[in-house]
Amino acid sequence: MTYNKADLFRFFTAKLDKEVAEAKTKQAEAEKALLEIQERLRQRGLTPEQKAQLLLKLKQCPVGKVEIVYPPNNLEAEKFAKQLQGILHEVGWASESSMQIPFLYDFQGLTVEVSSSENVIGKCLHRALTEVGFPAPGLINPDIPSESLNLIIGEKP
């Protein structure tokens, strides 16, 4: 069987088109994987706009006493804890030094730990953080003094 030049051209063009399409698919998958890795490596932190919003929201809250804790050997969590501690100080909250504690549970993200669901400052901090894009679910621990709370900075989700 003999092929003319036009048939051969169409055959090889179709083959190359298929290979290009496969290469583009692989490239898109690789780019997506790279973006996911970059997102995991990106440190948490408030943008200037989020910081301004958080300051405004916290100024509407009663002043509280908060202890900020984060897992040991986690520089990312430590830097985020220090940023949040600075913001809380700006609005007059008393804050214990950020400290590293080993967690018995695998905390991810932020958690507001309070003595009861009636803790007004805990509710206010939870709402303010959540509204600026950092959800901070509550955790009840009756061992915490009623006039204070813990802000737990867990692993980055």
N, C-alpha and C. Protein backbone atom coordinates (compact mmCIF):
# COMPACT_ATOMS: atom_id res chain seq x y z
N MET A 1 0.84 -1.16 0.00
CA MET A 1 0.00 0.00 0.00
C MET A 1 0.89 1.24 0.00
N THR A 2 0.58 2.14 -0.82
CA THR A 2 1.36 3.37 -0.90
C THR A 2 0.53 4.54 -0.39
N TYR A 3 1.23 5.47 0.19
CA TYR A 3 0.59 6.68 0.72
C TYR A 3 1.10 7.88 -0.04
N ASN A 4 0.22 8.78 -0.33
CA ASN A 4 0.68 10.01 -0.96
C ASN A 4 1.10 10.99 0.13
N LYS A 5 1.70 12.05 -0.26
CA LYS A 5 2.23 13.03 0.70
C LYS A 5 1.12 13.64 1.55
N ALA A 6 0.00 13.89 1.00
CA ALA A 6 -1.11 14.51 1.75
C ALA A 6 -1.59 13.58 2.85
N ASP A 7 -1.68 12.26 2.53
CA ASP A 7 -2.11 11.30 3.55
C ASP A 7 -1.10 11.21 4.69
N LEU A 8 0.18 11.17 4.32
CA LEU A 8 1.24 11.12 5.35
C LEU A 8 1.22 12.38 6.20
N PHE A 9 1.02 13.51 5.56
CA PHE A 9 0.98 14.78 6.30
C PHE A 9 -0.18 14.77 7.30
N ARG A 10 -1.36 14.34 6.85
CA ARG A 10 -2.51 14.29 7.75
C ARG A 10 -2.26 13.31 8.90
N PHE A 11 -1.67 12.17 8.61
CA PHE A 11 -1.38 11.16 9.64
C PHE A 11 -0.45 11.73 10.71
N PHE A 12 0.66 12.31 10.28
CA PHE A 12 1.64 12.83 11.24
C PHE A 12 1.12 14.09 11.96
N THR A 13 0.33 14.88 11.28
CA THR A 13 -0.26 16.05 11.92
C THR A 13 -1.22 15.62 13.03
N ALA A 14 -2.04 14.63 12.75
CA ALA A 14 -2.98 14.12 13.75
C ALA A 14 -2.23 13.54 14.94
N LYS A 15 -1.15 12.81 14.65
CA LYS A 15 -0.34 12.22 15.72
C LYS A 15 0.29 13.32 16.58
N LEU A 16 0.84 14.34 15.94
CA LEU A 16 1.45 15.45 16.67
C LEU A 16 0.41 16.23 17.47
N ASP A 17 -0.78 16.43 16.88
CA ASP A 17 -1.85 17.13 17.61
C ASP A 17 -2.21 16.37 18.88
N LYS A 18 -2.28 15.06 18.79
CA LYS A 18 -2.60 14.23 19.96
C LYS A 18 -1.50 14.36 21.01
N GLU A 19 -0.23 14.31 20.58
CA GLU A 19 0.89 14.43 21.52
C GLU A 19 0.91 15.81 22.18
N VAL A 20 0.60 16.84 21.41
CA VAL A 20 0.56 18.20 21.96
C VAL A 20 -0.56 18.30 22.99
N ALA A 21 -1.71 17.73 22.70
CA ALA A 21 -2.83 17.77 23.64
C ALA A 21 -2.47 17.05 24.93
N GLU A 22 -1.82 15.90 24.82
CA GLU A 22 -1.39 15.15 26.01
C GLU A 22 -0.35 15.95 26.81
N ALA A 23 0.57 16.59 26.11
CA ALA A 23 1.59 17.40 26.78
C ALA A 23 0.94 18.59 27.50
N LYS A 24 -0.07 19.22 26.88
CA LYS A 24 -0.75 20.34 27.52
C LYS A 24 -1.51 19.88 28.76
N THR A 25 -2.08 18.69 28.70
CA THR A 25 -2.78 18.14 29.87
C THR A 25 -1.80 17.91 31.00
N LYS A 26 -0.66 17.31 30.69
CA LYS A 26 0.37 17.08 31.71
C LYS A 26 0.89 18.40 32.27
N GLN A 27 1.06 19.39 31.42
CA GLN A 27 1.53 20.70 31.87
C GLN A 27 0.51 21.32 32.83
N ALA A 28 -0.76 21.24 32.50
CA ALA A 28 -1.80 21.80 33.37
C ALA A 28 -1.82 21.09 34.71
N GLU A 29 -1.66 19.77 34.71
CA GLU A 29 -1.62 19.02 35.97
C GLU A 29 -0.41 19.43 36.81
N ALA A 30 0.73 19.62 36.16
CA ALA A 30 1.94 20.02 36.88
C ALA A 30 1.79 21.43 37.45
N GLU A 31 1.18 22.33 36.69
CA GLU A 31 0.98 23.70 37.17
C GLU A 31 0.03 23.70 38.37
N LYS A 32 -1.02 22.87 38.32
CA LYS A 32 -1.95 22.77 39.43
C LYS A 32 -1.24 22.23 40.68
N ALA A 33 -0.42 21.20 40.50
CA ALA A 33 0.32 20.63 41.64
C ALA A 33 1.28 21.68 42.23
N LEU A 34 1.92 22.45 41.37
CA LEU A 34 2.83 23.50 41.84
C LEU A 34 2.08 24.55 42.66
N LEU A 35 0.91 24.96 42.19
CA LEU A 35 0.12 25.94 42.94
C LEU A 35 -0.30 25.38 44.30
N GLU A 36 -0.64 24.10 44.36
CA GLU A 36 -1.01 23.48 45.63
C GLU A 36 0.17 23.47 46.60
N ILE A 37 1.35 23.17 46.09
CA ILE A 37 2.56 23.17 46.93
C ILE A 37 2.86 24.59 47.41
N GLN A 38 2.76 25.56 46.51
CA GLN A 38 3.02 26.94 46.90
C GLN A 38 2.04 27.40 47.97
N GLU A 39 0.78 26.98 47.86
CA GLU A 39 -0.23 27.36 48.85
C GLU A 39 0.09 26.74 50.20
N ARG A 40 0.54 25.48 50.21
CA ARG A 40 0.88 24.82 51.48
C ARG A 40 2.08 25.50 52.13
N LEU A 41 3.00 26.01 51.33
CA LEU A 41 4.21 26.63 51.87
C LEU A 41 3.99 28.09 52.27
N ARG A 42 2.94 28.72 51.74
CA ARG A 42 2.66 30.12 52.05
C ARG A 42 2.29 30.25 53.52
N GLN A 43 2.88 31.22 54.17
CA GLN A 43 2.62 31.42 55.60
C GLN A 43 1.32 32.17 55.79
N ARG A 44 0.64 31.83 56.89
CA ARG A 44 -0.57 32.56 57.24
C ARG A 44 -0.19 33.95 57.72
N GLY A 45 -1.06 34.83 57.53
CA GLY A 45 -0.86 36.19 58.01
C GLY A 45 -1.99 37.06 57.53
N LEU A 46 -2.20 38.15 58.24
CA LEU A 46 -3.25 39.08 57.87
C LEU A 46 -2.72 40.07 56.84
N THR A 47 -3.50 40.32 55.82
CA THR A 47 -3.16 41.38 54.88
C THR A 47 -3.38 42.72 55.61
N PRO A 48 -2.86 43.80 55.08
CA PRO A 48 -3.12 45.10 55.71
C PRO A 48 -4.62 45.39 55.84
N GLU A 49 -5.41 44.98 54.84
CA GLU A 49 -6.86 45.20 54.90
C GLU A 49 -7.49 44.36 56.02
N GLN A 50 -7.08 43.09 56.12
CA GLN A 50 -7.61 42.23 57.17
C GLN A 50 -7.22 42.76 58.55
N LYS A 51 -5.98 43.24 58.67
CA LYS A 51 -5.54 43.77 59.96
C LYS A 51 -6.38 44.98 60.35
N ALA A 52 -6.63 45.87 59.40
CA ALA A 52 -7.44 47.06 59.69
C ALA A 52 -8.86 46.65 60.09
N GLN A 53 -9.43 45.69 59.39
CA GLN A 53 -10.78 45.21 59.73
C GLN A 53 -10.79 44.58 61.11
N LEU A 54 -9.78 43.76 61.40
CA LEU A 54 -9.72 43.08 62.70
C LEU A 54 -9.59 44.10 63.83
N LEU A 55 -8.75 45.10 63.64
CA LEU A 55 -8.60 46.14 64.65
C LEU A 55 -9.93 46.84 64.92
N LEU A 56 -10.66 47.18 63.85
CA LEU A 56 -11.97 47.83 64.03
C LEU A 56 -12.94 46.94 64.78
N LYS A 57 -12.97 45.67 64.44
CA LYS A 57 -13.90 44.73 65.09
C LYS A 57 -13.53 44.52 66.56
N LEU A 58 -12.23 44.40 66.83
CA LEU A 58 -11.80 44.16 68.22
C LEU A 58 -12.01 45.39 69.10
N LYS A 59 -11.97 46.57 68.51
CA LYS A 59 -12.22 47.79 69.29
C LYS A 59 -13.67 47.85 69.78
N GLN A 60 -14.54 47.09 69.14
CA GLN A 60 -15.94 47.03 69.56
C GLN A 60 -16.17 45.97 70.64
N CYS A 61 -15.13 45.19 70.94
CA CYS A 61 -15.23 44.12 71.93
C CYS A 61 -14.78 44.63 73.30
N PRO A 62 -15.28 43.99 74.36
CA PRO A 62 -14.69 44.29 75.66
C PRO A 62 -13.24 43.81 75.66
N VAL A 63 -12.39 44.51 76.38
CA VAL A 63 -10.98 44.13 76.45
C VAL A 63 -10.86 42.83 77.22
N GLY A 64 -10.01 41.95 76.74
CA GLY A 64 -9.88 40.65 77.38
C GLY A 64 -8.45 40.27 77.68
N LYS A 65 -8.33 39.13 78.31
CA LYS A 65 -7.01 38.55 78.61
C LYS A 65 -6.92 37.25 77.82
N VAL A 66 -5.88 37.15 77.03
CA VAL A 66 -5.73 35.99 76.15
C VAL A 66 -4.32 35.42 76.26
N GLU A 67 -4.24 34.12 76.26
CA GLU A 67 -2.96 33.44 76.17
C GLU A 67 -2.90 32.78 74.80
N ILE A 68 -1.88 33.10 74.04
CA ILE A 68 -1.75 32.57 72.69
C ILE A 68 -0.76 31.40 72.74
N VAL A 69 -1.20 30.27 72.24
CA VAL A 69 -0.35 29.08 72.26
C VAL A 69 -0.26 28.50 70.85
N TYR A 70 0.85 27.86 70.58
CA TYR A 70 1.08 27.26 69.27
C TYR A 70 1.99 26.05 69.44
N PRO A 71 2.00 25.15 68.46
CA PRO A 71 2.79 23.93 68.61
C PRO A 71 4.30 24.22 68.57
N PRO A 72 5.08 23.42 69.28
CA PRO A 72 6.53 23.62 69.26
C PRO A 72 7.11 23.34 67.88
N ASN A 73 8.22 23.99 67.61
CA ASN A 73 8.96 23.77 66.36
C ASN A 73 8.13 24.06 65.12
N ASN A 74 7.27 25.06 65.20
CA ASN A 74 6.45 25.43 64.06
C ASN A 74 6.60 26.94 63.86
N LEU A 75 7.59 27.31 63.07
CA LEU A 75 7.91 28.72 62.85
C LEU A 75 6.74 29.46 62.21
N GLU A 76 6.03 28.81 61.31
CA GLU A 76 4.90 29.44 60.64
C GLU A 76 3.83 29.83 61.66
N ALA A 77 3.47 28.89 62.55
CA ALA A 77 2.46 29.17 63.58
C ALA A 77 2.97 30.24 64.55
N GLU A 78 4.25 30.18 64.88
CA GLU A 78 4.82 31.17 65.81
C GLU A 78 4.73 32.58 65.23
N LYS A 79 5.07 32.75 63.96
CA LYS A 79 5.01 34.07 63.34
C LYS A 79 3.58 34.59 63.30
N PHE A 80 2.63 33.70 62.99
CA PHE A 80 1.24 34.11 62.95
C PHE A 80 0.75 34.47 64.36
N ALA A 81 1.17 33.69 65.35
CA ALA A 81 0.80 33.97 66.74
C ALA A 81 1.32 35.35 67.15
N LYS A 82 2.54 35.67 66.81
CA LYS A 82 3.11 36.96 67.18
C LYS A 82 2.39 38.12 66.48
N GLN A 83 1.99 37.89 65.22
CA GLN A 83 1.24 38.94 64.53
C GLN A 83 -0.10 39.18 65.23
N LEU A 84 -0.80 38.11 65.58
CA LEU A 84 -2.08 38.26 66.26
C LEU A 84 -1.90 38.88 67.65
N GLN A 85 -0.84 38.50 68.34
CA GLN A 85 -0.56 39.05 69.66
C GLN A 85 -0.36 40.57 69.56
N GLY A 86 0.37 41.00 68.56
CA GLY A 86 0.59 42.44 68.35
C GLY A 86 -0.70 43.20 68.12
N ILE A 87 -1.60 42.61 67.35
CA ILE A 87 -2.90 43.24 67.08
C ILE A 87 -3.72 43.32 68.37
N LEU A 88 -3.73 42.25 69.13
CA LEU A 88 -4.48 42.25 70.39
C LEU A 88 -3.93 43.30 71.35
N HIS A 89 -2.61 43.43 71.41
CA HIS A 89 -1.99 44.47 72.26
C HIS A 89 -2.41 45.86 71.80
N GLU A 90 -2.50 46.05 70.48
CA GLU A 90 -2.87 47.35 69.93
C GLU A 90 -4.23 47.82 70.42
N VAL A 91 -5.13 46.88 70.65
CA VAL A 91 -6.48 47.26 71.09
C VAL A 91 -6.64 47.12 72.60
N GLY A 92 -5.53 46.89 73.30
CA GLY A 92 -5.56 46.91 74.76
C GLY A 92 -5.79 45.59 75.46
N TRP A 93 -5.76 44.52 74.72
CA TRP A 93 -5.94 43.21 75.36
C TRP A 93 -4.67 42.83 76.08
N ALA A 94 -4.82 42.21 77.24
CA ALA A 94 -3.66 41.66 77.95
C ALA A 94 -3.36 40.32 77.30
N SER A 95 -2.11 40.10 76.99
CA SER A 95 -1.74 38.86 76.32
C SER A 95 -0.50 38.29 76.97
N GLU A 96 -0.61 37.05 77.36
CA GLU A 96 0.56 36.34 77.84
C GLU A 96 1.48 36.15 76.65
N SER A 97 2.76 36.01 76.93
CA SER A 97 3.70 35.77 75.85
C SER A 97 3.26 34.54 75.07
N SER A 98 3.39 34.66 73.78
CA SER A 98 3.11 33.49 72.95
C SER A 98 4.01 32.37 73.44
N MET A 99 3.45 31.22 73.59
CA MET A 99 4.26 30.12 74.09
C MET A 99 3.96 28.85 73.33
N GLN A 100 4.97 28.02 73.24
CA GLN A 100 4.83 26.75 72.56
C GLN A 100 4.42 25.69 73.56
N ILE A 101 3.40 24.95 73.21
CA ILE A 101 3.02 23.83 74.06
C ILE A 101 2.76 22.62 73.18
N PRO A 102 3.13 21.45 73.64
CA PRO A 102 2.77 20.27 72.86
C PRO A 102 1.27 20.03 72.98
N PHE A 103 0.61 19.81 71.87
CA PHE A 103 -0.83 19.60 71.88
C PHE A 103 -1.16 18.13 72.05
N LEU A 104 -2.18 17.87 72.84
CA LEU A 104 -2.67 16.50 72.98
C LEU A 104 -3.55 16.14 71.79
N TYR A 105 -4.08 17.16 71.12
CA TYR A 105 -4.94 16.96 69.96
C TYR A 105 -4.27 17.60 68.76
N ASP A 106 -4.70 17.20 67.59
CA ASP A 106 -4.15 17.74 66.35
C ASP A 106 -4.96 18.97 65.94
N PHE A 107 -4.60 20.13 66.49
CA PHE A 107 -5.31 21.36 66.15
C PHE A 107 -4.87 21.85 64.79
N GLN A 108 -5.84 22.29 64.00
CA GLN A 108 -5.56 22.92 62.73
C GLN A 108 -6.25 24.27 62.71
N GLY A 109 -5.60 25.24 62.11
CA GLY A 109 -6.19 26.57 62.06
C GLY A 109 -6.20 27.22 63.43
N LEU A 110 -7.20 28.06 63.66
CA LEU A 110 -7.32 28.77 64.92
C LEU A 110 -8.46 28.18 65.75
N THR A 111 -8.29 28.19 67.06
CA THR A 111 -9.33 27.75 67.98
C THR A 111 -9.35 28.72 69.16
N VAL A 112 -10.54 29.15 69.53
CA VAL A 112 -10.72 30.00 70.71
C VAL A 112 -11.19 29.08 71.84
N GLU A 113 -10.36 28.94 72.87
CA GLU A 113 -10.66 28.06 73.99
C GLU A 113 -11.12 28.90 75.18
N VAL A 114 -12.32 28.62 75.66
CA VAL A 114 -12.92 29.40 76.74
C VAL A 114 -13.48 28.47 77.82
N SER A 115 -13.81 29.07 78.98
CA SER A 115 -14.34 28.27 80.09
C SER A 115 -15.80 27.89 79.89
N SER A 116 -16.55 28.74 79.17
CA SER A 116 -17.96 28.43 78.93
C SER A 116 -18.42 29.13 77.65
N SER A 117 -19.55 28.69 77.15
CA SER A 117 -20.09 29.30 75.93
C SER A 117 -20.60 30.72 76.19
N GLU A 118 -20.63 31.12 77.45
CA GLU A 118 -21.10 32.47 77.81
C GLU A 118 -19.95 33.49 77.83
N ASN A 119 -18.73 33.08 77.53
CA ASN A 119 -17.57 33.97 77.57
C ASN A 119 -17.70 35.02 76.46
N VAL A 120 -17.99 36.24 76.85
CA VAL A 120 -18.26 37.32 75.89
C VAL A 120 -17.02 37.66 75.06
N ILE A 121 -15.87 37.74 75.70
CA ILE A 121 -14.67 38.09 74.92
C ILE A 121 -14.32 36.97 73.95
N GLY A 122 -14.55 35.74 74.34
CA GLY A 122 -14.31 34.62 73.43
C GLY A 122 -15.22 34.67 72.22
N LYS A 123 -16.49 34.97 72.45
CA LYS A 123 -17.44 35.10 71.34
C LYS A 123 -17.02 36.22 70.40
N CYS A 124 -16.60 37.33 70.99
CA CYS A 124 -16.22 38.49 70.20
C CYS A 124 -14.96 38.21 69.36
N LEU A 125 -13.97 37.58 69.98
CA LEU A 125 -12.74 37.25 69.25
C LEU A 125 -13.05 36.25 68.14
N HIS A 126 -13.85 35.24 68.45
CA HIS A 126 -14.25 34.25 67.45
C HIS A 126 -14.90 34.93 66.25
N ARG A 127 -15.87 35.81 66.52
CA ARG A 127 -16.60 36.49 65.45
C ARG A 127 -15.66 37.38 64.63
N ALA A 128 -14.79 38.13 65.30
CA ALA A 128 -13.89 39.05 64.60
C ALA A 128 -12.93 38.29 63.68
N LEU A 129 -12.32 37.24 64.20
CA LEU A 129 -11.39 36.45 63.38
C LEU A 129 -12.09 35.80 62.20
N THR A 130 -13.26 35.25 62.46
CA THR A 130 -14.02 34.59 61.39
C THR A 130 -14.41 35.58 60.31
N GLU A 131 -14.84 36.77 60.70
CA GLU A 131 -15.28 37.77 59.73
C GLU A 131 -14.15 38.30 58.86
N VAL A 132 -12.90 38.21 59.32
CA VAL A 132 -11.78 38.66 58.49
C VAL A 132 -11.13 37.50 57.72
N GLY A 133 -11.75 36.33 57.80
CA GLY A 133 -11.26 35.22 56.97
C GLY A 133 -10.48 34.15 57.68
N PHE A 134 -10.45 34.18 59.00
CA PHE A 134 -9.74 33.16 59.76
C PHE A 134 -10.71 32.51 60.75
N PRO A 135 -11.49 31.52 60.27
CA PRO A 135 -12.45 30.87 61.16
C PRO A 135 -11.75 30.35 62.42
N ALA A 136 -12.39 30.59 63.56
CA ALA A 136 -11.81 30.20 64.85
C ALA A 136 -12.90 29.56 65.70
N PRO A 137 -13.16 28.28 65.48
CA PRO A 137 -14.21 27.63 66.27
C PRO A 137 -13.89 27.65 67.75
N GLY A 138 -14.93 27.55 68.55
CA GLY A 138 -14.76 27.58 70.00
C GLY A 138 -14.54 26.19 70.58
N LEU A 139 -13.88 26.16 71.72
CA LEU A 139 -13.63 24.94 72.46
C LEU A 139 -13.87 25.26 73.93
N ILE A 140 -14.71 24.48 74.58
CA ILE A 140 -15.02 24.71 76.00
C ILE A 140 -14.06 23.91 76.86
N ASN A 141 -13.41 24.62 77.81
CA ASN A 141 -12.51 23.99 78.77
C ASN A 141 -12.77 24.65 80.12
N PRO A 142 -13.51 23.97 81.01
CA PRO A 142 -13.87 24.60 82.29
C PRO A 142 -12.69 24.93 83.19
N ASP A 143 -11.49 24.44 82.86
CA ASP A 143 -10.30 24.73 83.67
C ASP A 143 -9.73 26.12 83.41
N ILE A 144 -10.18 26.78 82.37
CA ILE A 144 -9.68 28.12 82.04
C ILE A 144 -10.42 29.14 82.90
N PRO A 145 -9.71 30.10 83.48
CA PRO A 145 -10.39 31.15 84.27
C PRO A 145 -11.46 31.85 83.42
N SER A 146 -12.59 32.16 84.04
CA SER A 146 -13.73 32.71 83.30
C SER A 146 -13.43 34.05 82.64
N GLU A 147 -12.48 34.81 83.17
CA GLU A 147 -12.20 36.14 82.61
C GLU A 147 -11.12 36.12 81.52
N SER A 148 -10.67 34.94 81.12
CA SER A 148 -9.63 34.88 80.09
C SER A 148 -9.97 33.80 79.07
N LEU A 149 -9.09 33.65 78.11
CA LEU A 149 -9.26 32.62 77.08
C LEU A 149 -7.91 32.27 76.49
N ASN A 150 -7.87 31.17 75.78
CA ASN A 150 -6.69 30.77 75.03
C ASN A 150 -7.00 30.88 73.55
N LEU A 151 -6.06 31.40 72.80
CA LEU A 151 -6.15 31.39 71.35
C LEU A 151 -5.11 30.38 70.88
N ILE A 152 -5.59 29.28 70.33
CA ILE A 152 -4.70 28.21 69.90
C ILE A 152 -4.42 28.37 68.42
N ILE A 153 -3.15 28.48 68.09
CA ILE A 153 -2.73 28.56 66.68
C ILE A 153 -2.25 27.16 66.31
N GLY A 154 -3.09 26.41 65.61
CA GLY A 154 -2.73 25.06 65.23
C GLY A 154 -1.94 25.02 63.94
N GLU A 155 -1.73 23.82 63.45
CA GLU A 155 -1.06 23.65 62.16
C GLU A 155 -1.86 24.35 61.08
N LYS A 156 -1.17 24.76 60.04
CA LYS A 156 -1.87 25.39 58.93
C LYS A 156 -2.76 24.33 58.27
N PRO A 157 -4.05 24.67 58.06
CA PRO A 157 -4.96 23.68 57.45
C PRO A 157 -4.57 23.37 56.01
